[in-house]
Amino acid sequence: MPEIQVLINTTPIGMPPFEDEMLPVPYELFENLELFFNFGYKTNSKLTEGFSQNVQSIDGITMLIGQAISSFNLWTGQEIKFDHVYHEILERLNNED
């Protein structure tokens, strides 16, 4: 595990009804981990607590927004940039709860 730089979670752990569960891996052994990609949407931040503060964490909502932007661009012929709209879309999604 010390060689691993990217870890991808494709399990439902972190999402309801598994929001209080942790991945069954020894977090402290990921000494060189740089990126944790969690495919779940709106997962509990508790899922990443065991990783170093230096580990960048990306969740599935980022991927979903990216796919939506790419699809919009493809189907409309427009060129919306991810960095220009991501935070606005995320804020709107968060306000719907």
PDB file of N, CA and C in Angstrom:
ATOM      1  N   MET A   1       0.789  -1.211   0.000  1.00  0.00           N
ATOM      2  CA  MET A   1       0.000   0.000   0.000  1.00  0.00           C
ATOM      3  C   MET A   1       0.830   1.273   0.000  1.00  0.00           C
ATOM      4  N   PRO A   2       2.059   1.273   0.470  1.00  0.00           N
ATOM      5  CA  PRO A   2       2.829   2.510   0.467  1.00  0.00           C
ATOM      6  C   PRO A   2       3.075   3.081  -0.934  1.00  0.00           C
ATOM      7  N   GLU A   3       3.005   2.250  -1.981  1.00  0.00           N
ATOM      8  CA  GLU A   3       3.264   2.725  -3.342  1.00  0.00           C
ATOM      9  C   GLU A   3       2.040   3.353  -3.995  1.00  0.00           C
ATOM     10  N   ILE A   4       0.871   3.109  -3.449  1.00  0.00           N
ATOM     11  CA  ILE A   4      -0.377   3.559  -4.072  1.00  0.00           C
ATOM     12  C   ILE A   4      -0.516   5.073  -3.955  1.00  0.00           C
ATOM     13  N   GLN A   5      -0.803   5.719  -5.111  1.00  0.00           N
ATOM     14  CA  GLN A   5      -0.974   7.170  -5.137  1.00  0.00           C
ATOM     15  C   GLN A   5      -2.419   7.591  -5.354  1.00  0.00           C
ATOM     16  N   VAL A   6      -3.217   6.696  -5.965  1.00  0.00           N
ATOM     17  CA  VAL A   6      -4.618   6.990  -6.242  1.00  0.00           C
ATOM     18  C   VAL A   6      -5.466   5.824  -5.747  1.00  0.00           C
ATOM     19  N   LEU A   7      -6.508   6.134  -4.986  1.00  0.00           N
ATOM     20  CA  LEU A   7      -7.434   5.125  -4.484  1.00  0.00           C
ATOM     21  C   LEU A   7      -8.828   5.509  -4.944  1.00  0.00           C
ATOM     22  N   ILE A   8      -9.553   4.536  -5.545  1.00  0.00           N
ATOM     23  CA  ILE A   8     -10.892   4.790  -6.067  1.00  0.00           C
ATOM     24  C   ILE A   8     -11.886   3.915  -5.325  1.00  0.00           C
ATOM     25  N   ASN A   9     -12.889   4.555  -4.730  1.00  0.00           N
ATOM     26  CA  ASN A   9     -13.945   3.832  -4.026  1.00  0.00           C
ATOM     27  C   ASN A   9     -15.161   3.730  -4.941  1.00  0.00           C
ATOM     28  N   THR A  10     -15.512   2.505  -5.313  1.00  0.00           N
ATOM     29  CA  THR A  10     -16.698   2.275  -6.134  1.00  0.00           C
ATOM     30  C   THR A  10     -17.765   1.525  -5.342  1.00  0.00           C
ATOM     31  N   THR A  11     -17.594   1.455  -4.037  1.00  0.00           N
ATOM     32  CA  THR A  11     -18.550   0.751  -3.176  1.00  0.00           C
ATOM     33  C   THR A  11     -19.601   1.742  -2.677  1.00  0.00           C
ATOM     34  N   PRO A  12     -20.692   1.250  -2.100  1.00  0.00           N
ATOM     35  CA  PRO A  12     -21.681   2.164  -1.531  1.00  0.00           C
ATOM     36  C   PRO A  12     -21.294   2.691  -0.147  1.00  0.00           C
ATOM     37  N   ILE A  13     -20.130   2.305   0.351  1.00  0.00           N
ATOM     38  CA  ILE A  13     -19.703   2.774   1.668  1.00  0.00           C
ATOM     39  C   ILE A  13     -19.568   4.295   1.646  1.00  0.00           C
ATOM     40  N   GLY A  14     -20.181   4.928   2.632  1.00  0.00           N
ATOM     41  CA  GLY A  14     -20.180   6.376   2.736  1.00  0.00           C
ATOM     42  C   GLY A  14     -21.516   6.990   2.361  1.00  0.00           C
ATOM     43  N   MET A  15     -22.349   6.218   1.651  1.00  0.00           N
ATOM     44  CA  MET A  15     -23.676   6.685   1.259  1.00  0.00           C
ATOM     45  C   MET A  15     -24.725   5.935   2.077  1.00  0.00           C
ATOM     46  N   PRO A  16     -25.915   6.527   2.206  1.00  0.00           N
ATOM     47  CA  PRO A  16     -26.973   5.817   2.938  1.00  0.00           C
ATOM     48  C   PRO A  16     -27.269   4.462   2.290  1.00  0.00           C
ATOM     49  N   PRO A  17     -27.454   3.444   3.032  1.00  0.00           N
ATOM     50  CA  PRO A  17     -27.502   3.346   4.494  1.00  0.00           C
ATOM     51  C   PRO A  17     -26.144   3.016   5.107  1.00  0.00           C
ATOM     52  N   PHE A  18     -25.060   3.199   4.363  1.00  0.00           N
ATOM     53  CA  PHE A  18     -23.721   2.846   4.839  1.00  0.00           C
ATOM     54  C   PHE A  18     -22.882   4.079   5.186  1.00  0.00           C
ATOM     55  N   GLU A  19     -23.519   5.196   5.495  1.00  0.00           N
ATOM     56  CA  GLU A  19     -22.803   6.450   5.722  1.00  0.00           C
ATOM     57  C   GLU A  19     -21.898   6.447   6.949  1.00  0.00           C
ATOM     58  N   ASP A  20     -22.143   5.560   7.891  1.00  0.00           N
ATOM     59  CA  ASP A  20     -21.304   5.518   9.091  1.00  0.00           C
ATOM     60  C   ASP A  20     -20.210   4.456   9.010  1.00  0.00           C
ATOM     61  N   GLU A  21     -20.112   3.778   7.891  1.00  0.00           N
ATOM     62  CA  GLU A  21     -19.085   2.748   7.735  1.00  0.00           C
ATOM     63  C   GLU A  21     -17.825   3.344   7.114  1.00  0.00           C
ATOM     64  N   MET A  22     -16.721   2.681   7.383  1.00  0.00           N
ATOM     65  CA  MET A  22     -15.435   3.087   6.824  1.00  0.00           C
ATOM     66  C   MET A  22     -14.965   2.015   5.863  1.00  0.00           C
ATOM     67  N   LEU A  23     -14.122   2.388   4.944  1.00  0.00           N
ATOM     68  CA  LEU A  23     -13.540   1.398   4.044  1.00  0.00           C
ATOM     69  C   LEU A  23     -12.713   0.424   4.860  1.00  0.00           C
ATOM     70  N   PRO A  24     -12.774  -0.856   4.534  1.00  0.00           N
ATOM     71  CA  PRO A  24     -12.023  -1.855   5.314  1.00  0.00           C
ATOM     72  C   PRO A  24     -10.556  -1.927   4.888  1.00  0.00           C
ATOM     73  N   VAL A  25      -9.882  -0.784   4.937  1.00  0.00           N
ATOM     74  CA  VAL A  25      -8.461  -0.711   4.579  1.00  0.00           C
ATOM     75  C   VAL A  25      -7.724   0.062   5.662  1.00  0.00           C
ATOM     76  N   PRO A  26      -6.466  -0.272   5.904  1.00  0.00           N
ATOM     77  CA  PRO A  26      -5.680   0.470   6.901  1.00  0.00           C
ATOM     78  C   PRO A  26      -5.207   1.817   6.330  1.00  0.00           C
ATOM     79  N   TYR A  27      -5.951   2.859   6.590  1.00  0.00           N
ATOM     80  CA  TYR A  27      -5.683   4.185   6.040  1.00  0.00           C
ATOM     81  C   TYR A  27      -4.234   4.628   6.249  1.00  0.00           C
ATOM     82  N   GLU A  28      -3.686   4.325   7.405  1.00  0.00           N
ATOM     83  CA  GLU A  28      -2.338   4.814   7.743  1.00  0.00           C
ATOM     84  C   GLU A  28      -1.242   4.215   6.859  1.00  0.00           C
ATOM     85  N   LEU A  29      -1.525   3.136   6.153  1.00  0.00           N
ATOM     86  CA  LEU A  29      -0.517   2.516   5.283  1.00  0.00           C
ATOM     87  C   LEU A  29      -0.423   3.173   3.901  1.00  0.00           C
ATOM     88  N   PHE A  30      -1.332   4.084   3.594  1.00  0.00           N
ATOM     89  CA  PHE A  30      -1.289   4.788   2.312  1.00  0.00           C
ATOM     90  C   PHE A  30      -0.383   6.014   2.435  1.00  0.00           C
ATOM     91  N   GLU A  31       0.900   5.763   2.565  1.00  0.00           N
ATOM     92  CA  GLU A  31       1.877   6.825   2.836  1.00  0.00           C
ATOM     93  C   GLU A  31       2.031   7.810   1.681  1.00  0.00           C
ATOM     94  N   ASN A  32       1.840   7.365   0.443  1.00  0.00           N
ATOM     95  CA  ASN A  32       2.048   8.223  -0.725  1.00  0.00           C
ATOM     96  C   ASN A  32       0.754   8.543  -1.465  1.00  0.00           C
ATOM     97  N   LEU A  33      -0.363   8.341  -0.803  1.00  0.00           N
ATOM     98  CA  LEU A  33      -1.643   8.593  -1.437  1.00  0.00           C
ATOM     99  C   LEU A  33      -1.793  10.086  -1.728  1.00  0.00           C
ATOM    100  N   GLU A  34      -2.147  10.400  -2.974  1.00  0.00           N
ATOM    101  CA  GLU A  34      -2.336  11.789  -3.378  1.00  0.00           C
ATOM    102  C   GLU A  34      -3.790  12.118  -3.682  1.00  0.00           C
ATOM    103  N   LEU A  35      -4.541  11.092  -4.148  1.00  0.00           N
ATOM    104  CA  LEU A  35      -5.910  11.339  -4.582  1.00  0.00           C
ATOM    105  C   LEU A  35      -6.825  10.202  -4.162  1.00  0.00           C
ATOM    106  N   PHE A  36      -7.932  10.553  -3.537  1.00  0.00           N
ATOM    107  CA  PHE A  36      -8.977   9.600  -3.204  1.00  0.00           C
ATOM    108  C   PHE A  36     -10.202   9.985  -4.006  1.00  0.00           C
ATOM    109  N   PHE A  37     -10.592   9.140  -4.955  1.00  0.00           N
ATOM    110  CA  PHE A  37     -11.750   9.394  -5.799  1.00  0.00           C
ATOM    111  C   PHE A  37     -12.881   8.494  -5.330  1.00  0.00           C
ATOM    112  N   ASN A  38     -13.922   9.110  -4.841  1.00  0.00           N
ATOM    113  CA  ASN A  38     -15.072   8.386  -4.325  1.00  0.00           C
ATOM    114  C   ASN A  38     -16.232   8.570  -5.296  1.00  0.00           C
ATOM    115  N   PHE A  39     -16.696   7.500  -5.925  1.00  0.00           N
ATOM    116  CA  PHE A  39     -17.756   7.605  -6.920  1.00  0.00           C
ATOM    117  C   PHE A  39     -19.132   7.880  -6.319  1.00  0.00           C
ATOM    118  N   GLY A  40     -19.276   7.798  -5.016  1.00  0.00           N
ATOM    119  CA  GLY A  40     -20.567   8.043  -4.379  1.00  0.00           C
ATOM    120  C   GLY A  40     -20.931   9.513  -4.395  1.00  0.00           C
ATOM    121  N   TYR A  41     -22.232   9.778  -4.403  1.00  0.00           N
ATOM    122  CA  TYR A  41     -22.744  11.150  -4.355  1.00  0.00           C
ATOM    123  C   TYR A  41     -23.107  11.501  -2.925  1.00  0.00           C
ATOM    124  N   LYS A  42     -22.769  12.707  -2.531  1.00  0.00           N
ATOM    125  CA  LYS A  42     -23.124  13.232  -1.207  1.00  0.00           C
ATOM    126  C   LYS A  42     -22.760  12.267  -0.084  1.00  0.00           C
ATOM    127  N   THR A  43     -21.546  11.818  -0.105  1.00  0.00           N
ATOM    128  CA  THR A  43     -21.111  10.877   0.920  1.00  0.00           C
ATOM    129  C   THR A  43     -20.681  11.607   2.182  1.00  0.00           C
ATOM    130  N   ASN A  44     -20.645  10.889   3.255  1.00  0.00           N
ATOM    131  CA  ASN A  44     -20.247  11.401   4.548  1.00  0.00           C
ATOM    132  C   ASN A  44     -18.749  11.700   4.521  1.00  0.00           C
ATOM    133  N   SER A  45     -18.337  12.861   5.008  1.00  0.00           N
ATOM    134  CA  SER A  45     -16.921  13.222   5.022  1.00  0.00           C
ATOM    135  C   SER A  45     -16.120  12.330   5.969  1.00  0.00           C
ATOM    136  N   LYS A  46     -16.815  11.608   6.828  1.00  0.00           N
ATOM    137  CA  LYS A  46     -16.156  10.683   7.743  1.00  0.00           C
ATOM    138  C   LYS A  46     -15.342   9.645   6.975  1.00  0.00           C
ATOM    139  N   LEU A  47     -15.739   9.376   5.744  1.00  0.00           N
ATOM    140  CA  LEU A  47     -15.080   8.388   4.905  1.00  0.00           C
ATOM    141  C   LEU A  47     -13.608   8.732   4.649  1.00  0.00           C
ATOM    142  N   THR A  48     -13.266  10.005   4.640  1.00  0.00           N
ATOM    143  CA  THR A  48     -11.895  10.424   4.333  1.00  0.00           C
ATOM    144  C   THR A  48     -11.096  10.844   5.557  1.00  0.00           C
ATOM    145  N   GLU A  49     -11.682  10.780   6.734  1.00  0.00           N
ATOM    146  CA  GLU A  49     -11.006  11.246   7.948  1.00  0.00           C
ATOM    147  C   GLU A  49      -9.697  10.521   8.232  1.00  0.00           C
ATOM    148  N   GLY A  50      -9.582   9.279   7.817  1.00  0.00           N
ATOM    149  CA  GLY A  50      -8.381   8.510   8.121  1.00  0.00           C
ATOM    150  C   GLY A  50      -7.186   8.825   7.251  1.00  0.00           C
ATOM    151  N   PHE A  51      -7.402   9.567   6.168  1.00  0.00           N
ATOM    152  CA  PHE A  51      -6.305   9.912   5.262  1.00  0.00           C
ATOM    153  C   PHE A  51      -5.580  11.170   5.725  1.00  0.00           C
ATOM    154  N   SER A  52      -4.367  11.319   5.269  1.00  0.00           N
ATOM    155  CA  SER A  52      -3.578  12.513   5.541  1.00  0.00           C
ATOM    156  C   SER A  52      -4.298  13.744   4.996  1.00  0.00           C
ATOM    157  N   GLN A  53      -4.041  14.895   5.587  1.00  0.00           N
ATOM    158  CA  GLN A  53      -4.621  16.159   5.122  1.00  0.00           C
ATOM    159  C   GLN A  53      -4.153  16.508   3.708  1.00  0.00           C
ATOM    160  N   ASN A  54      -3.031  15.913   3.278  1.00  0.00           N
ATOM    161  CA  ASN A  54      -2.474  16.207   1.959  1.00  0.00           C
ATOM    162  C   ASN A  54      -3.187  15.478   0.831  1.00  0.00           C
ATOM    163  N   VAL A  55      -4.062  14.550   1.157  1.00  0.00           N
ATOM    164  CA  VAL A  55      -4.753  13.764   0.144  1.00  0.00           C
ATOM    165  C   VAL A  55      -5.928  14.564  -0.410  1.00  0.00           C
ATOM    166  N   GLN A  56      -5.930  14.754  -1.731  1.00  0.00           N
ATOM    167  CA  GLN A  56      -7.057  15.425  -2.376  1.00  0.00           C
ATOM    168  C   GLN A  56      -8.197  14.427  -2.493  1.00  0.00           C
ATOM    169  N   SER A  57      -9.393  14.857  -2.157  1.00  0.00           N
ATOM    170  CA  SER A  57     -10.562  13.993  -2.196  1.00  0.00           C
ATOM    171  C   SER A  57     -11.573  14.550  -3.197  1.00  0.00           C
ATOM    172  N   ILE A  58     -12.009  13.693  -4.108  1.00  0.00           N
ATOM    173  CA  ILE A  58     -13.005  14.071  -5.108  1.00  0.00           C
ATOM    174  C   ILE A  58     -14.158  13.087  -4.990  1.00  0.00           C
ATOM    175  N   ASP A  59     -15.387  13.607  -4.976  1.00  0.00           N
ATOM    176  CA  ASP A  59     -16.519  12.690  -4.868  1.00  0.00           C
ATOM    177  C   ASP A  59     -17.266  12.592  -6.192  1.00  0.00           C
ATOM    178  N   GLY A  60     -18.231  11.705  -6.234  1.00  0.00           N
ATOM    179  CA  GLY A  60     -18.966  11.415  -7.447  1.00  0.00           C
ATOM    180  C   GLY A  60     -19.747  12.583  -8.000  1.00  0.00           C
ATOM    181  N   ILE A  61     -20.107  13.537  -7.150  1.00  0.00           N
ATOM    182  CA  ILE A  61     -20.861  14.690  -7.638  1.00  0.00           C
ATOM    183  C   ILE A  61     -20.008  15.505  -8.606  1.00  0.00           C
ATOM    184  N   THR A  62     -18.700  15.550  -8.376  1.00  0.00           N
ATOM    185  CA  THR A  62     -17.789  16.243  -9.288  1.00  0.00           C
ATOM    186  C   THR A  62     -17.814  15.568 -10.658  1.00  0.00           C
ATOM    187  N   MET A  63     -17.772  14.233 -10.651  1.00  0.00           N
ATOM    188  CA  MET A  63     -17.830  13.480 -11.895  1.00  0.00           C
ATOM    189  C   MET A  63     -19.174  13.712 -12.589  1.00  0.00           C
ATOM    190  N   LEU A  64     -20.267  13.691 -11.833  1.00  0.00           N
ATOM    191  CA  LEU A  64     -21.599  13.882 -12.397  1.00  0.00           C
ATOM    192  C   LEU A  64     -21.720  15.258 -13.062  1.00  0.00           C
ATOM    193  N   ILE A  65     -21.234  16.287 -12.409  1.00  0.00           N
ATOM    194  CA  ILE A  65     -21.281  17.639 -12.969  1.00  0.00           C
ATOM    195  C   ILE A  65     -20.417  17.711 -14.226  1.00  0.00           C
ATOM    196  N   GLY A  66     -19.247  17.108 -14.181  1.00  0.00           N
ATOM    197  CA  GLY A  66     -18.368  17.085 -15.348  1.00  0.00           C
ATOM    198  C   GLY A  66     -19.016  16.394 -16.538  1.00  0.00           C
ATOM    199  N   GLN A  67     -19.696  15.287 -16.281  1.00  0.00           N
ATOM    200  CA  GLN A  67     -20.397  14.579 -17.354  1.00  0.00           C
ATOM    201  C   GLN A  67     -21.538  15.429 -17.918  1.00  0.00           C
ATOM    202  N   ALA A  68     -22.246  16.116 -17.046  1.00  0.00           N
ATOM    203  CA  ALA A  68     -23.349  16.966 -17.497  1.00  0.00           C
ATOM    204  C   ALA A  68     -22.837  18.099 -18.375  1.00  0.00           C
ATOM    205  N   ILE A  69     -21.737  18.725 -17.988  1.00  0.00           N
ATOM    206  CA  ILE A  69     -21.157  19.809 -18.774  1.00  0.00           C
ATOM    207  C   ILE A  69     -20.692  19.292 -20.127  1.00  0.00           C
ATOM    208  N   SER A  70     -20.009  18.157 -20.128  1.00  0.00           N
ATOM    209  CA  SER A  70     -19.526  17.578 -21.394  1.00  0.00           C
ATOM    210  C   SER A  70     -20.695  17.222 -22.304  1.00  0.00           C
ATOM    211  N   SER A  71     -21.746  16.646 -21.741  1.00  0.00           N
ATOM    212  CA  SER A  71     -22.922  16.288 -22.526  1.00  0.00           C
ATOM    213  C   SER A  71     -23.591  17.541 -23.097  1.00  0.00           C
ATOM    214  N   PHE A  72     -23.737  18.565 -22.272  1.00  0.00           N
ATOM    215  CA  PHE A  72     -24.326  19.824 -22.735  1.00  0.00           C
ATOM    216  C   PHE A  72     -23.525  20.392 -23.898  1.00  0.00           C
ATOM    217  N   ASN A  73     -22.214  20.417 -23.744  1.00  0.00           N
ATOM    218  CA  ASN A  73     -21.356  20.945 -24.803  1.00  0.00           C
ATOM    219  C   ASN A  73     -21.488  20.133 -26.088  1.00  0.00           C
ATOM    220  N   LEU A  74     -21.530  18.827 -25.951  1.00  0.00           N
ATOM    221  CA  LEU A  74     -21.633  17.946 -27.105  1.00  0.00           C
ATOM    222  C   LEU A  74     -22.947  18.159 -27.848  1.00  0.00           C
ATOM    223  N   TRP A  75     -24.044  18.196 -27.102  1.00  0.00           N
ATOM    224  CA  TRP A  75     -25.362  18.255 -27.732  1.00  0.00           C
ATOM    225  C   TRP A  75     -25.759  19.654 -28.194  1.00  0.00           C
ATOM    226  N   THR A  76     -25.183  20.689 -27.609  1.00  0.00           N
ATOM    227  CA  THR A  76     -25.572  22.050 -28.000  1.00  0.00           C
ATOM    228  C   THR A  76     -24.533  22.734 -28.883  1.00  0.00           C
ATOM    229  N   GLY A  77     -23.333  22.165 -28.951  1.00  0.00           N
ATOM    230  CA  GLY A  77     -22.268  22.792 -29.726  1.00  0.00           C
ATOM    231  C   GLY A  77     -21.635  23.967 -29.010  1.00  0.00           C
ATOM    232  N   GLN A  78     -22.027  24.184 -27.758  1.00  0.00           N
ATOM    233  CA  GLN A  78     -21.453  25.277 -26.975  1.00  0.00           C
ATOM    234  C   GLN A  78     -20.190  24.806 -26.265  1.00  0.00           C
ATOM    235  N   GLU A  79     -19.503  25.740 -25.651  1.00  0.00           N
ATOM    236  CA  GLU A  79     -18.253  25.401 -24.970  1.00  0.00           C
ATOM    237  C   GLU A  79     -18.246  25.986 -23.561  1.00  0.00           C
ATOM    238  N   ILE A  80     -19.006  25.353 -22.658  1.00  0.00           N
ATOM    239  CA  ILE A  80     -19.000  25.774 -21.263  1.00  0.00           C
ATOM    240  C   ILE A  80     -17.785  25.138 -20.597  1.00  0.00           C
ATOM    241  N   LYS A  81     -17.037  25.916 -19.868  1.00  0.00           N
ATOM    242  CA  LYS A  81     -15.844  25.422 -19.171  1.00  0.00           C
ATOM    243  C   LYS A  81     -16.218  24.961 -17.764  1.00  0.00           C
ATOM    244  N   PHE A  82     -15.701  23.809 -17.381  1.00  0.00           N
ATOM    245  CA  PHE A  82     -15.961  23.220 -16.075  1.00  0.00           C
ATOM    246  C   PHE A  82     -15.670  24.221 -14.959  1.00  0.00           C
ATOM    247  N   ASP A  83     -14.500  24.832 -14.999  1.00  0.00           N
ATOM    248  CA  ASP A  83     -14.094  25.756 -13.934  1.00  0.00           C
ATOM    249  C   ASP A  83     -15.007  26.975 -13.821  1.00  0.00           C
ATOM    250  N   HIS A  84     -15.693  27.313 -14.902  1.00  0.00           N
ATOM    251  CA  HIS A  84     -16.546  28.501 -14.877  1.00  0.00           C
ATOM    252  C   HIS A  84     -17.900  28.252 -14.223  1.00  0.00           C
ATOM    253  N   VAL A  85     -18.381  27.000 -14.232  1.00  0.00           N
ATOM    254  CA  VAL A  85     -19.737  26.746 -13.734  1.00  0.00           C
ATOM    255  C   VAL A  85     -19.816  25.739 -12.589  1.00  0.00           C
ATOM    256  N   TYR A  86     -18.759  25.025 -12.309  1.00  0.00           N
ATOM    257  CA  TYR A  86     -18.804  23.951 -11.315  1.00  0.00           C
ATOM    258  C   TYR A  86     -19.330  24.427  -9.958  1.00  0.00           C
ATOM    259  N   HIS A  87     -18.750  25.479  -9.411  1.00  0.00           N
ATOM    260  CA  HIS A  87     -19.135  25.928  -8.070  1.00  0.00           C
ATOM    261  C   HIS A  87     -20.579  26.436  -8.032  1.00  0.00           C
ATOM    262  N   GLU A  88     -21.021  27.080  -9.105  1.00  0.00           N
ATOM    263  CA  GLU A  88     -22.408  27.553  -9.154  1.00  0.00           C
ATOM    264  C   GLU A  88     -23.378  26.367  -9.178  1.00  0.00           C
ATOM    265  N   ILE A  89     -23.070  25.353  -9.982  1.00  0.00           N
ATOM    266  CA  ILE A  89     -23.930  24.165 -10.048  1.00  0.00           C
ATOM    267  C   ILE A  89     -23.943  23.454  -8.705  1.00  0.00           C
ATOM    268  N   LEU A  90     -22.777  23.290  -8.105  1.00  0.00           N
ATOM    269  CA  LEU A  90     -22.677  22.620  -6.811  1.00  0.00           C
ATOM    270  C   LEU A  90     -23.479  23.369  -5.747  1.00  0.00           C
ATOM    271  N   GLU A  91     -23.388  24.678  -5.742  1.00  0.00           N
ATOM    272  CA  GLU A  91     -24.137  25.487  -4.776  1.00  0.00           C
ATOM    273  C   GLU A  91     -25.648  25.303  -4.974  1.00  0.00           C
ATOM    274  N   ARG A  92     -26.075  25.292  -6.218  1.00  0.00           N
ATOM    275  CA  ARG A  92     -27.511  25.092  -6.483  1.00  0.00           C
ATOM    276  C   ARG A  92     -27.965  23.714  -6.028  1.00  0.00           C
ATOM    277  N   LEU A  93     -27.153  22.697  -6.263  1.00  0.00           N
ATOM    278  CA  LEU A  93     -27.501  21.351  -5.804  1.00  0.00           C
ATOM    279  C   LEU A  93     -27.578  21.280  -4.283  1.00  0.00           C
ATOM    280  N   ASN A  94     -26.635  21.923  -3.621  1.00  0.00           N
ATOM    281  CA  ASN A  94     -26.626  21.921  -2.150  1.00  0.00           C
ATOM    282  C   ASN A  94     -27.829  22.659  -1.574  1.00  0.00           C
ATOM    283  N   ASN A  95     -28.299  23.681  -2.274  1.00  0.00           N
ATOM    284  CA  ASN A  95     -29.449  24.459  -1.786  1.00  0.00           C
ATOM    285  C   ASN A  95     -30.768  23.738  -1.993  1.00  0.00           C
ATOM    286  N   GLU A  96     -30.768  22.685  -2.808  1.00  0.00           N
ATOM    287  CA  GLU A  96     -31.998  21.925  -3.029  1.00  0.00           C
ATOM    288  C   GLU A  96     -32.325  21.003  -1.860  1.00  0.00           C
ATOM    289  N   ASP A  97     -31.360  20.720  -1.025  1.00  0.00           N
ATOM    290  CA  ASP A  97     -31.584  19.788   0.099  1.00  0.00           C
ATOM    291  C   ASP A  97     -32.445  20.372   1.178  1.00  0.00           C
TER     292      ASP A  97
END
